[in-house]
Amino acid sequence: MIVKEEFLNKLRQFFGLNLYEVRIWTALLSRGVSTAGELSDIGNVPRSRSYDVLESLEKKGFVMMKLGKPIKYVAVEPKEVVERVKKLVAEDAKERQKKLDDLRNNDVLKELNLLHKQGIEFVEPSDLSGAIRGRHNLYSHLEYMIKNAEKNITIMTSSKGLIRKLEALKPELEKLNKKGVKIRIAAPITKESASAVKELSKIAEIKHSDKLNARFCIVDSEDVMFMAMDDDSVHPSYDIGIWANTPYFASALESLFNTSWKDMEDGTKVVD
């Protein structure tokens, strides 16, 4: 049996299996029923590991063991495997979430906070910066930044970015709006982003900008997240943001934004 390495890697990502597990599993799928020795030869897995791998696959619900001599294994139907894996992932996520929730009242979190507080005291302000890769990580850090806002948030984004921010940041932006934090958003407004404008305009001031081609966020004139790539031409996994805690640069960038903000058209009028 010849299975392309690319296909095996996809299976590893989708099902959370290691290399030996996907080799044994696909070997068994191709046979339906087989012994550990046969699967070891077909999948090119050391015989000394094949029983351990099959035991692991059995626990995860990918295979079933037939009693008898020699012991044989039966492949579970793939669509049933998908449902079993979904259930296991959901249960695992629920358990991990419970453990993380329990940390709030645990001495472990207190120790971590103490370590962080002591460490920050020795950090130069210029060192509070970093590069963040991947759009998921970018939005996680953006959420962290705005969550701590006390005065104002300034966002410059793309038309697609406007839609993403509605999906990812709306709950936090709503809370901040109720606290009196001033929120301004500028973006090229299109038909696709019109509905996002209507929703976000309830909690923020939005203006149409077709001249500035940039993506950044400024919080309280101190924290800056500047996206370095054009989101139209980069895959989300390779999107990059530069974060820095720098009042000097944040204030300068905000001043430039304010100059352009005055000439921008009201976003709600653009979509009407």
C-alpha atoms as a PDB file:
ATOM      1  CA  MET A   1       0.000   0.000   0.000  1.00  0.00           C
ATOM      2  CA  ILE A   2       1.396   3.393  -0.978  1.00  0.00           C
ATOM      3  CA  VAL A   3      -0.074   6.437   0.749  1.00  0.00           C
ATOM      4  CA  LYS A   4       1.362   9.859  -0.009  1.00  0.00           C
ATOM      5  CA  GLU A   5       3.158  11.585   2.848  1.00  0.00           C
ATOM      6  CA  GLU A   6       1.080  14.714   2.258  1.00  0.00           C
ATOM      7  CA  PHE A   7      -2.127  12.743   2.882  1.00  0.00           C
ATOM      8  CA  LEU A   8      -0.695  11.218   6.068  1.00  0.00           C
ATOM      9  CA  ASN A   9       0.242  14.678   7.347  1.00  0.00           C
ATOM     10  CA  LYS A  10      -3.324  15.888   6.760  1.00  0.00           C
ATOM     11  CA  LEU A  11      -4.665  12.948   8.760  1.00  0.00           C
ATOM     12  CA  ARG A  12      -2.269  13.777  11.596  1.00  0.00           C
ATOM     13  CA  GLN A  13      -3.555  17.348  11.698  1.00  0.00           C
ATOM     14  CA  PHE A  14      -7.236  16.467  11.458  1.00  0.00           C
ATOM     15  CA  PHE A  15      -7.280  13.546  13.879  1.00  0.00           C
ATOM     16  CA  GLY A  16      -4.414  14.362  16.234  1.00  0.00           C
ATOM     17  CA  LEU A  17      -2.480  11.165  15.509  1.00  0.00           C
ATOM     18  CA  ASN A  18       1.257  10.541  15.373  1.00  0.00           C
ATOM     19  CA  LEU A  19       3.047   9.186  12.300  1.00  0.00           C
ATOM     20  CA  TYR A  20       2.959   5.511  13.326  1.00  0.00           C
ATOM     21  CA  GLU A  21      -0.744   5.762  14.169  1.00  0.00           C
ATOM     22  CA  VAL A  22      -1.739   7.154  10.773  1.00  0.00           C
ATOM     23  CA  ARG A  23       0.383   4.546   8.987  1.00  0.00           C
ATOM     24  CA  ILE A  24      -1.179   1.649  10.902  1.00  0.00           C
ATOM     25  CA  TRP A  25      -4.685   3.113  10.593  1.00  0.00           C
ATOM     26  CA  THR A  26      -4.510   3.666   6.833  1.00  0.00           C
ATOM     27  CA  ALA A  27      -2.974   0.210   6.416  1.00  0.00           C
ATOM     28  CA  LEU A  28      -5.905  -1.318   8.298  1.00  0.00           C
ATOM     29  CA  LEU A  29      -8.431   0.742   6.320  1.00  0.00           C
ATOM     30  CA  SER A  30      -6.951  -0.680   3.133  1.00  0.00           C
ATOM     31  CA  ARG A  31      -7.321  -4.247   4.445  1.00  0.00           C
ATOM     32  CA  GLY A  32     -10.484  -4.053   6.581  1.00  0.00           C
ATOM     33  CA  VAL A  33      -9.257  -6.821   8.894  1.00  0.00           C
ATOM     34  CA  SER A  34      -5.627  -7.660   9.597  1.00  0.00           C
ATOM     35  CA  THR A  35      -3.058  -8.793  12.177  1.00  0.00           C
ATOM     36  CA  ALA A  36      -0.548  -6.530  13.894  1.00  0.00           C
ATOM     37  CA  GLY A  37       2.307  -8.144  11.986  1.00  0.00           C
ATOM     38  CA  GLU A  38       0.669  -7.607   8.603  1.00  0.00           C
ATOM     39  CA  LEU A  39      -0.123  -3.978   9.440  1.00  0.00           C
ATOM     40  CA  SER A  40       3.465  -3.452  10.587  1.00  0.00           C
ATOM     41  CA  ASP A  41       4.759  -4.608   7.194  1.00  0.00           C
ATOM     42  CA  ILE A  42       2.169  -2.685   5.162  1.00  0.00           C
ATOM     43  CA  GLY A  43       2.512   0.536   7.142  1.00  0.00           C
ATOM     44  CA  ASN A  44       6.293   0.349   7.497  1.00  0.00           C
ATOM     45  CA  VAL A  45       6.101   0.520  11.295  1.00  0.00           C
ATOM     46  CA  PRO A  46       8.533  -1.442  13.537  1.00  0.00           C
ATOM     47  CA  ARG A  47       6.890  -4.649  14.797  1.00  0.00           C
ATOM     48  CA  SER A  48       7.977  -3.840  18.329  1.00  0.00           C
ATOM     49  CA  ARG A  49       5.719  -0.738  18.176  1.00  0.00           C
ATOM     50  CA  SER A  50       2.732  -2.088  16.265  1.00  0.00           C
ATOM     51  CA  TYR A  51       0.851  -3.489  19.310  1.00  0.00           C
ATOM     52  CA  ASP A  52       1.294  -0.274  21.286  1.00  0.00           C
ATOM     53  CA  VAL A  53       0.076   1.760  18.314  1.00  0.00           C
ATOM     54  CA  LEU A  54      -2.962  -0.489  17.809  1.00  0.00           C
ATOM     55  CA  GLU A  55      -3.797  -0.302  21.500  1.00  0.00           C
ATOM     56  CA  SER A  56      -3.681   3.491  21.280  1.00  0.00           C
ATOM     57  CA  LEU A  57      -5.908   3.495  18.190  1.00  0.00           C
ATOM     58  CA  GLU A  58      -8.334   1.149  19.944  1.00  0.00           C
ATOM     59  CA  LYS A  59      -8.630   3.498  22.937  1.00  0.00           C
ATOM     60  CA  LYS A  60      -9.280   6.424  20.590  1.00  0.00           C
ATOM     61  CA  GLY A  61     -12.029   4.506  18.773  1.00  0.00           C
ATOM     62  CA  PHE A  62     -10.299   4.019  15.413  1.00  0.00           C
ATOM     63  CA  VAL A  63     -10.067   0.230  15.496  1.00  0.00           C
ATOM     64  CA  MET A  64     -11.627  -2.787  17.203  1.00  0.00           C
ATOM     65  CA  MET A  65      -9.855  -5.963  18.288  1.00  0.00           C
ATOM     66  CA  LYS A  66     -11.227  -9.373  17.239  1.00  0.00           C
ATOM     67  CA  LEU A  67     -10.756 -12.120  19.811  1.00  0.00           C
ATOM     68  CA  GLY A  68      -9.063 -15.266  18.582  1.00  0.00           C
ATOM     69  CA  LYS A  69      -5.694 -16.552  17.457  1.00  0.00           C
ATOM     70  CA  PRO A  70      -3.980 -14.782  15.897  1.00  0.00           C
ATOM     71  CA  ILE A  71      -5.458 -11.536  17.205  1.00  0.00           C
ATOM     72  CA  LYS A  72      -6.841  -9.437  14.401  1.00  0.00           C
ATOM     73  CA  TYR A  73      -8.048  -5.868  14.159  1.00  0.00           C
ATOM     74  CA  VAL A  74     -11.045  -4.354  12.363  1.00  0.00           C
ATOM     75  CA  ALA A  75     -11.181  -0.822  11.002  1.00  0.00           C
ATOM     76  CA  VAL A  76     -14.032   1.376  12.228  1.00  0.00           C
ATOM     77  CA  GLU A  77     -15.917   3.221   9.460  1.00  0.00           C
ATOM     78  CA  PRO A  78     -14.223   6.624   8.882  1.00  0.00           C
ATOM     79  CA  LYS A  79     -17.396   8.704   9.305  1.00  0.00           C
ATOM     80  CA  GLU A  80     -17.972   7.023  12.678  1.00  0.00           C
ATOM     81  CA  VAL A  81     -14.354   7.798  13.613  1.00  0.00           C
ATOM     82  CA  VAL A  82     -14.975  11.470  12.861  1.00  0.00           C
ATOM     83  CA  GLU A  83     -17.940  11.547  15.241  1.00  0.00           C
ATOM     84  CA  ARG A  84     -15.944   9.784  17.963  1.00  0.00           C
ATOM     85  CA  VAL A  85     -13.026  12.184  17.606  1.00  0.00           C
ATOM     86  CA  LYS A  86     -15.380  15.178  17.723  1.00  0.00           C
ATOM     87  CA  LYS A  87     -16.816  13.882  20.971  1.00  0.00           C
ATOM     88  CA  LEU A  88     -13.381  13.271  22.477  1.00  0.00           C
ATOM     89  CA  VAL A  89     -12.174  16.741  21.452  1.00  0.00           C
ATOM     90  CA  ALA A  90     -15.263  18.359  22.992  1.00  0.00           C
ATOM     91  CA  GLU A  91     -14.819  16.405  26.234  1.00  0.00           C
ATOM     92  CA  ASP A  92     -11.111  17.220  26.370  1.00  0.00           C
ATOM     93  CA  ALA A  93     -11.764  20.915  25.744  1.00  0.00           C
ATOM     94  CA  LYS A  94     -14.411  20.970  28.475  1.00  0.00           C
ATOM     95  CA  GLU A  95     -12.035  19.315  30.935  1.00  0.00           C
ATOM     96  CA  ARG A  96      -9.181  21.668  30.075  1.00  0.00           C
ATOM     97  CA  GLN A  97     -11.465  24.691  30.399  1.00  0.00           C
ATOM     98  CA  LYS A  98     -12.547  23.494  33.857  1.00  0.00           C
ATOM     99  CA  LYS A  99      -8.911  23.153  34.932  1.00  0.00           C
ATOM    100  CA  LEU A 100      -8.116  26.658  33.681  1.00  0.00           C
ATOM    101  CA  ASP A 101     -11.192  28.070  35.436  1.00  0.00           C
ATOM    102  CA  ASP A 102     -10.041  26.391  38.652  1.00  0.00           C
ATOM    103  CA  LEU A 103      -6.712  28.241  38.352  1.00  0.00           C
ATOM    104  CA  ARG A 104      -8.415  31.546  39.168  1.00  0.00           C
ATOM    105  CA  ASN A 105      -8.613  30.611  42.817  1.00  0.00           C
ATOM    106  CA  ASN A 106      -5.433  28.582  42.850  1.00  0.00           C
ATOM    107  CA  ASP A 107      -2.033  29.437  44.319  1.00  0.00           C
ATOM    108  CA  VAL A 108      -0.454  28.548  40.968  1.00  0.00           C
ATOM    109  CA  LEU A 109      -1.936  31.642  39.307  1.00  0.00           C
ATOM    110  CA  LYS A 110      -0.887  33.812  42.251  1.00  0.00           C
ATOM    111  CA  GLU A 111       2.687  32.552  41.869  1.00  0.00           C
ATOM    112  CA  LEU A 112       2.628  33.211  38.117  1.00  0.00           C
ATOM    113  CA  ASN A 113       1.313  36.743  38.619  1.00  0.00           C
ATOM    114  CA  LEU A 114       3.991  37.401  41.224  1.00  0.00           C
ATOM    115  CA  LEU A 115       6.722  36.165  38.887  1.00  0.00           C
ATOM    116  CA  HIS A 116       5.402  38.370  36.080  1.00  0.00           C
ATOM    117  CA  LYS A 117       5.136  41.431  38.307  1.00  0.00           C
ATOM    118  CA  GLN A 118       8.683  40.994  39.615  1.00  0.00           C
ATOM    119  CA  GLY A 119      10.012  40.354  36.109  1.00  0.00           C
ATOM    120  CA  ILE A 120       8.383  43.454  34.609  1.00  0.00           C
ATOM    121  CA  GLU A 121      10.126  45.648  37.197  1.00  0.00           C
ATOM    122  CA  PHE A 122      13.458  44.815  35.547  1.00  0.00           C
ATOM    123  CA  VAL A 123      12.268  45.353  31.964  1.00  0.00           C
ATOM    124  CA  GLU A 124      13.072  48.510  30.053  1.00  0.00           C
ATOM    125  CA  PRO A 125       9.976  50.086  28.441  1.00  0.00           C
ATOM    126  CA  SER A 126      11.621  49.711  25.028  1.00  0.00           C
ATOM    127  CA  ASP A 127      11.790  45.946  25.579  1.00  0.00           C
ATOM    128  CA  LEU A 128       8.012  45.618  25.900  1.00  0.00           C
ATOM    129  CA  SER A 129       7.555  44.716  22.248  1.00  0.00           C
ATOM    130  CA  GLY A 130       7.398  41.694  20.011  1.00  0.00           C
ATOM    131  CA  ALA A 131       6.408  40.162  16.698  1.00  0.00           C
ATOM    132  CA  ILE A 132       3.251  38.059  16.560  1.00  0.00           C
ATOM    133  CA  ARG A 133       2.687  35.559  13.748  1.00  0.00           C
ATOM    134  CA  GLY A 134      -0.665  34.128  12.619  1.00  0.00           C
ATOM    135  CA  ARG A 135      -4.020  35.919  12.505  1.00  0.00           C
ATOM    136  CA  HIS A 136      -5.458  33.855  15.350  1.00  0.00           C
ATOM    137  CA  ASN A 137      -2.593  34.959  17.617  1.00  0.00           C
ATOM    138  CA  LEU A 138      -2.919  38.550  16.387  1.00  0.00           C
ATOM    139  CA  TYR A 139      -6.559  38.711  17.386  1.00  0.00           C
ATOM    140  CA  SER A 140      -5.858  37.058  20.729  1.00  0.00           C
ATOM    141  CA  HIS A 141      -3.347  39.793  21.503  1.00  0.00           C
ATOM    142  CA  LEU A 142      -5.624  42.508  20.144  1.00  0.00           C
ATOM    143  CA  GLU A 143      -8.361  41.310  22.492  1.00  0.00           C
ATOM    144  CA  TYR A 144      -5.882  41.404  25.376  1.00  0.00           C
ATOM    145  CA  MET A 145      -4.845  44.966  24.459  1.00  0.00           C
ATOM    146  CA  ILE A 146      -8.330  46.419  24.192  1.00  0.00           C
ATOM    147  CA  LYS A 147      -9.556  44.566  27.284  1.00  0.00           C
ATOM    148  CA  ASN A 148      -7.258  46.796  29.356  1.00  0.00           C
ATOM    149  CA  ALA A 149      -8.282  50.063  27.645  1.00  0.00           C
ATOM    150  CA  GLU A 150      -9.306  52.897  29.967  1.00  0.00           C
ATOM    151  CA  LYS A 151      -9.614  55.947  27.702  1.00  0.00           C
ATOM    152  CA  ASN A 152      -9.647  55.317  23.962  1.00  0.00           C
ATOM    153  CA  ILE A 153      -9.132  52.804  21.172  1.00  0.00           C
ATOM    154  CA  THR A 154      -8.154  53.748  17.640  1.00  0.00           C
ATOM    155  CA  ILE A 155      -8.397  51.132  14.876  1.00  0.00           C
ATOM    156  CA  MET A 156      -7.373  51.439  11.244  1.00  0.00           C
ATOM    157  CA  THR A 157      -8.186  48.348   9.207  1.00  0.00           C
ATOM    158  CA  SER A 158      -9.186  46.928   5.836  1.00  0.00           C
ATOM    159  CA  SER A 159     -12.705  46.204   4.618  1.00  0.00           C
ATOM    160  CA  LYS A 160     -12.239  42.490   5.383  1.00  0.00           C
ATOM    161  CA  GLY A 161     -10.603  43.382   8.684  1.00  0.00           C
ATOM    162  CA  LEU A 162     -13.708  45.324   9.675  1.00  0.00           C
ATOM    163  CA  ILE A 163     -15.796  42.165   9.294  1.00  0.00           C
ATOM    164  CA  ARG A 164     -13.257  40.113  11.259  1.00  0.00           C
ATOM    165  CA  LYS A 165     -13.234  42.618  14.101  1.00  0.00           C
ATOM    166  CA  LEU A 166     -17.006  42.462  14.382  1.00  0.00           C
ATOM    167  CA  GLU A 167     -16.770  38.685  14.778  1.00  0.00           C
ATOM    168  CA  ALA A 168     -13.771  38.611  17.109  1.00  0.00           C
ATOM    169  CA  LEU A 169     -13.872  41.788  19.190  1.00  0.00           C
ATOM    170  CA  LYS A 170     -17.498  42.914  19.426  1.00  0.00           C
ATOM    171  CA  PRO A 171     -18.190  41.503  22.933  1.00  0.00           C
ATOM    172  CA  GLU A 172     -15.154  43.278  24.411  1.00  0.00           C
ATOM    173  CA  LEU A 173     -15.848  46.496  22.486  1.00  0.00           C
ATOM    174  CA  GLU A 174     -19.421  46.508  23.811  1.00  0.00           C
ATOM    175  CA  LYS A 175     -18.163  46.260  27.400  1.00  0.00           C
ATOM    176  CA  LEU A 176     -15.691  49.092  26.845  1.00  0.00           C
ATOM    177  CA  ASN A 177     -18.335  51.272  25.220  1.00  0.00           C
ATOM    178  CA  LYS A 178     -20.504  50.892  28.333  1.00  0.00           C
ATOM    179  CA  LYS A 179     -17.509  51.920  30.464  1.00  0.00           C
ATOM    180  CA  GLY A 180     -17.172  55.123  28.438  1.00  0.00           C
ATOM    181  CA  VAL A 181     -14.079  54.188  26.424  1.00  0.00           C
ATOM    182  CA  LYS A 182     -13.990  56.157  23.162  1.00  0.00           C
ATOM    183  CA  ILE A 183     -13.739  53.807  20.165  1.00  0.00           C
ATOM    184  CA  ARG A 184     -12.878  54.989  16.647  1.00  0.00           C
ATOM    185  CA  ILE A 185     -12.600  52.756  13.595  1.00  0.00           C
ATOM    186  CA  ALA A 186     -11.530  53.721  10.077  1.00  0.00           C
ATOM    187  CA  ALA A 187     -11.707  51.376   7.072  1.00  0.00           C
ATOM    188  CA  PRO A 188     -12.594  51.265   3.368  1.00  0.00           C
ATOM    189  CA  ILE A 189     -16.324  50.549   3.498  1.00  0.00           C
ATOM    190  CA  THR A 190     -17.724  48.233   0.813  1.00  0.00           C
ATOM    191  CA  LYS A 191     -20.976  46.381   0.196  1.00  0.00           C
ATOM    192  CA  GLU A 192     -19.474  43.330   1.885  1.00  0.00           C
ATOM    193  CA  SER A 193     -18.645  45.246   5.068  1.00  0.00           C
ATOM    194  CA  ALA A 194     -21.844  47.338   5.179  1.00  0.00           C
ATOM    195  CA  SER A 195     -23.589  45.078   7.696  1.00  0.00           C
ATOM    196  CA  ALA A 196     -20.483  45.105   9.928  1.00  0.00           C
ATOM    197  CA  VAL A 197     -20.531  48.910   9.849  1.00  0.00           C
ATOM    198  CA  LYS A 198     -24.152  49.007  10.985  1.00  0.00           C
ATOM    199  CA  GLU A 199     -23.420  46.679  13.899  1.00  0.00           C
ATOM    200  CA  LEU A 200     -20.191  48.335  15.003  1.00  0.00           C
ATOM    201  CA  SER A 201     -21.636  51.859  14.666  1.00  0.00           C
ATOM    202  CA  LYS A 202     -23.774  51.079  17.736  1.00  0.00           C
ATOM    203  CA  ILE A 203     -20.659  50.949  19.897  1.00  0.00           C
ATOM    204  CA  ALA A 204     -18.046  52.902  17.953  1.00  0.00           C
ATOM    205  CA  GLU A 205     -17.576  55.877  15.666  1.00  0.00           C
ATOM    206  CA  ILE A 206     -16.820  54.579  12.168  1.00  0.00           C
ATOM    207  CA  LYS A 207     -15.511  56.480   9.180  1.00  0.00           C
ATOM    208  CA  HIS A 208     -14.841  55.575   5.569  1.00  0.00           C
ATOM    209  CA  SER A 209     -11.213  55.757   4.445  1.00  0.00           C
ATOM    210  CA  ASP A 210     -10.105  54.906   0.918  1.00  0.00           C
ATOM    211  CA  LYS A 211      -6.748  56.705   1.045  1.00  0.00           C
ATOM    212  CA  LEU A 212      -4.963  55.159   4.006  1.00  0.00           C
ATOM    213  CA  ASN A 213      -3.938  51.565   3.327  1.00  0.00           C
ATOM    214  CA  ALA A 214      -2.859  50.370   6.755  1.00  0.00           C
ATOM    215  CA  ARG A 215      -3.869  48.112   9.637  1.00  0.00           C
ATOM    216  CA  PHE A 216      -3.122  49.097  13.211  1.00  0.00           C
ATOM    217  CA  CYS A 217      -4.637  49.496  16.660  1.00  0.00           C
ATOM    218  CA  ILE A 218      -3.707  52.050  19.323  1.00  0.00           C
ATOM    219  CA  VAL A 219      -4.899  51.705  22.927  1.00  0.00           C
ATOM    220  CA  ASP A 220      -4.793  54.613  25.397  1.00  0.00           C
ATOM    221  CA  SER A 221      -2.060  56.293  23.315  1.00  0.00           C
ATOM    222  CA  GLU A 222       0.401  53.745  24.727  1.00  0.00           C
ATOM    223  CA  ASP A 223       0.018  50.273  23.192  1.00  0.00           C
ATOM    224  CA  VAL A 224       0.346  49.797  19.431  1.00  0.00           C
ATOM    225  CA  MET A 225      -0.270  46.761  17.244  1.00  0.00           C
ATOM    226  CA  PHE A 226       0.830  47.359  13.653  1.00  0.00           C
ATOM    227  CA  MET A 227       0.083  44.721  11.030  1.00  0.00           C
ATOM    228  CA  ALA A 228       2.968  44.431   8.596  1.00  0.00           C
ATOM    229  CA  MET A 229       1.255  42.561   5.747  1.00  0.00           C
ATOM    230  CA  ASP A 230      -1.537  43.290   3.275  1.00  0.00           C
ATOM    231  CA  ASP A 231      -4.363  40.959   4.299  1.00  0.00           C
ATOM    232  CA  ASP A 232      -5.432  40.627   0.654  1.00  0.00           C
ATOM    233  CA  SER A 233      -2.159  38.982  -0.286  1.00  0.00           C
ATOM    234  CA  VAL A 234      -1.124  36.977   2.778  1.00  0.00           C
ATOM    235  CA  HIS A 235      -2.443  33.700   4.153  1.00  0.00           C
ATOM    236  CA  PRO A 236      -3.896  34.118   7.686  1.00  0.00           C
ATOM    237  CA  SER A 237      -1.235  31.753   9.064  1.00  0.00           C
ATOM    238  CA  TYR A 238       1.529  34.074   7.864  1.00  0.00           C
ATOM    239  CA  ASP A 239      -0.003  37.392   8.869  1.00  0.00           C
ATOM    240  CA  ILE A 240       2.410  39.333  11.090  1.00  0.00           C
ATOM    241  CA  GLY A 241       1.843  42.024  13.688  1.00  0.00           C
ATOM    242  CA  ILE A 242       4.355  44.168  15.556  1.00  0.00           C
ATOM    243  CA  TRP A 243       3.309  45.004  19.114  1.00  0.00           C
ATOM    244  CA  ALA A 244       4.971  47.620  21.273  1.00  0.00           C
ATOM    245  CA  ASN A 245       4.262  49.468  24.490  1.00  0.00           C
ATOM    246  CA  THR A 246       5.585  52.849  23.439  1.00  0.00           C
ATOM    247  CA  PRO A 247       3.708  56.070  24.293  1.00  0.00           C
ATOM    248  CA  TYR A 248       6.111  58.087  22.094  1.00  0.00           C
ATOM    249  CA  PHE A 249       5.355  56.190  18.874  1.00  0.00           C
ATOM    250  CA  ALA A 250       1.696  55.568  19.787  1.00  0.00           C
ATOM    251  CA  SER A 251       1.054  59.299  20.285  1.00  0.00           C
ATOM    252  CA  ALA A 252       2.837  60.189  17.048  1.00  0.00           C
ATOM    253  CA  LEU A 253       0.857  57.618  15.052  1.00  0.00           C
ATOM    254  CA  GLU A 254      -2.381  58.741  16.676  1.00  0.00           C
ATOM    255  CA  SER A 255      -1.660  62.368  15.757  1.00  0.00           C
ATOM    256  CA  LEU A 256      -1.215  61.389  12.111  1.00  0.00           C
ATOM    257  CA  PHE A 257      -4.436  59.402  12.276  1.00  0.00           C
ATOM    258  CA  ASN A 258      -6.303  62.358  13.798  1.00  0.00           C
ATOM    259  CA  THR A 259      -5.299  64.559  10.877  1.00  0.00           C
ATOM    260  CA  SER A 260      -6.787  62.099   8.388  1.00  0.00           C
ATOM    261  CA  TRP A 261      -9.797  61.339  10.614  1.00  0.00           C
ATOM    262  CA  LYS A 262     -11.099  64.911  10.239  1.00  0.00           C
ATOM    263  CA  ASP A 263     -11.455  64.495   6.461  1.00  0.00           C
ATOM    264  CA  MET A 264     -12.986  61.011   6.491  1.00  0.00           C
ATOM    265  CA  GLU A 265     -16.646  60.476   5.646  1.00  0.00           C
ATOM    266  CA  ASP A 266     -19.108  59.222   8.248  1.00  0.00           C
ATOM    267  CA  GLY A 267     -19.303  55.440   7.765  1.00  0.00           C
ATOM    268  CA  THR A 268     -23.033  55.227   8.469  1.00  0.00           C
ATOM    269  CA  LYS A 269     -23.754  57.627   5.628  1.00  0.00           C
ATOM    270  CA  VAL A 270     -21.705  55.575   3.194  1.00  0.00           C
ATOM    271  CA  VAL A 271     -23.816  52.457   3.761  1.00  0.00           C
ATOM    272  CA  ASP A 272     -27.172  54.266   3.614  1.00  0.00           C
END
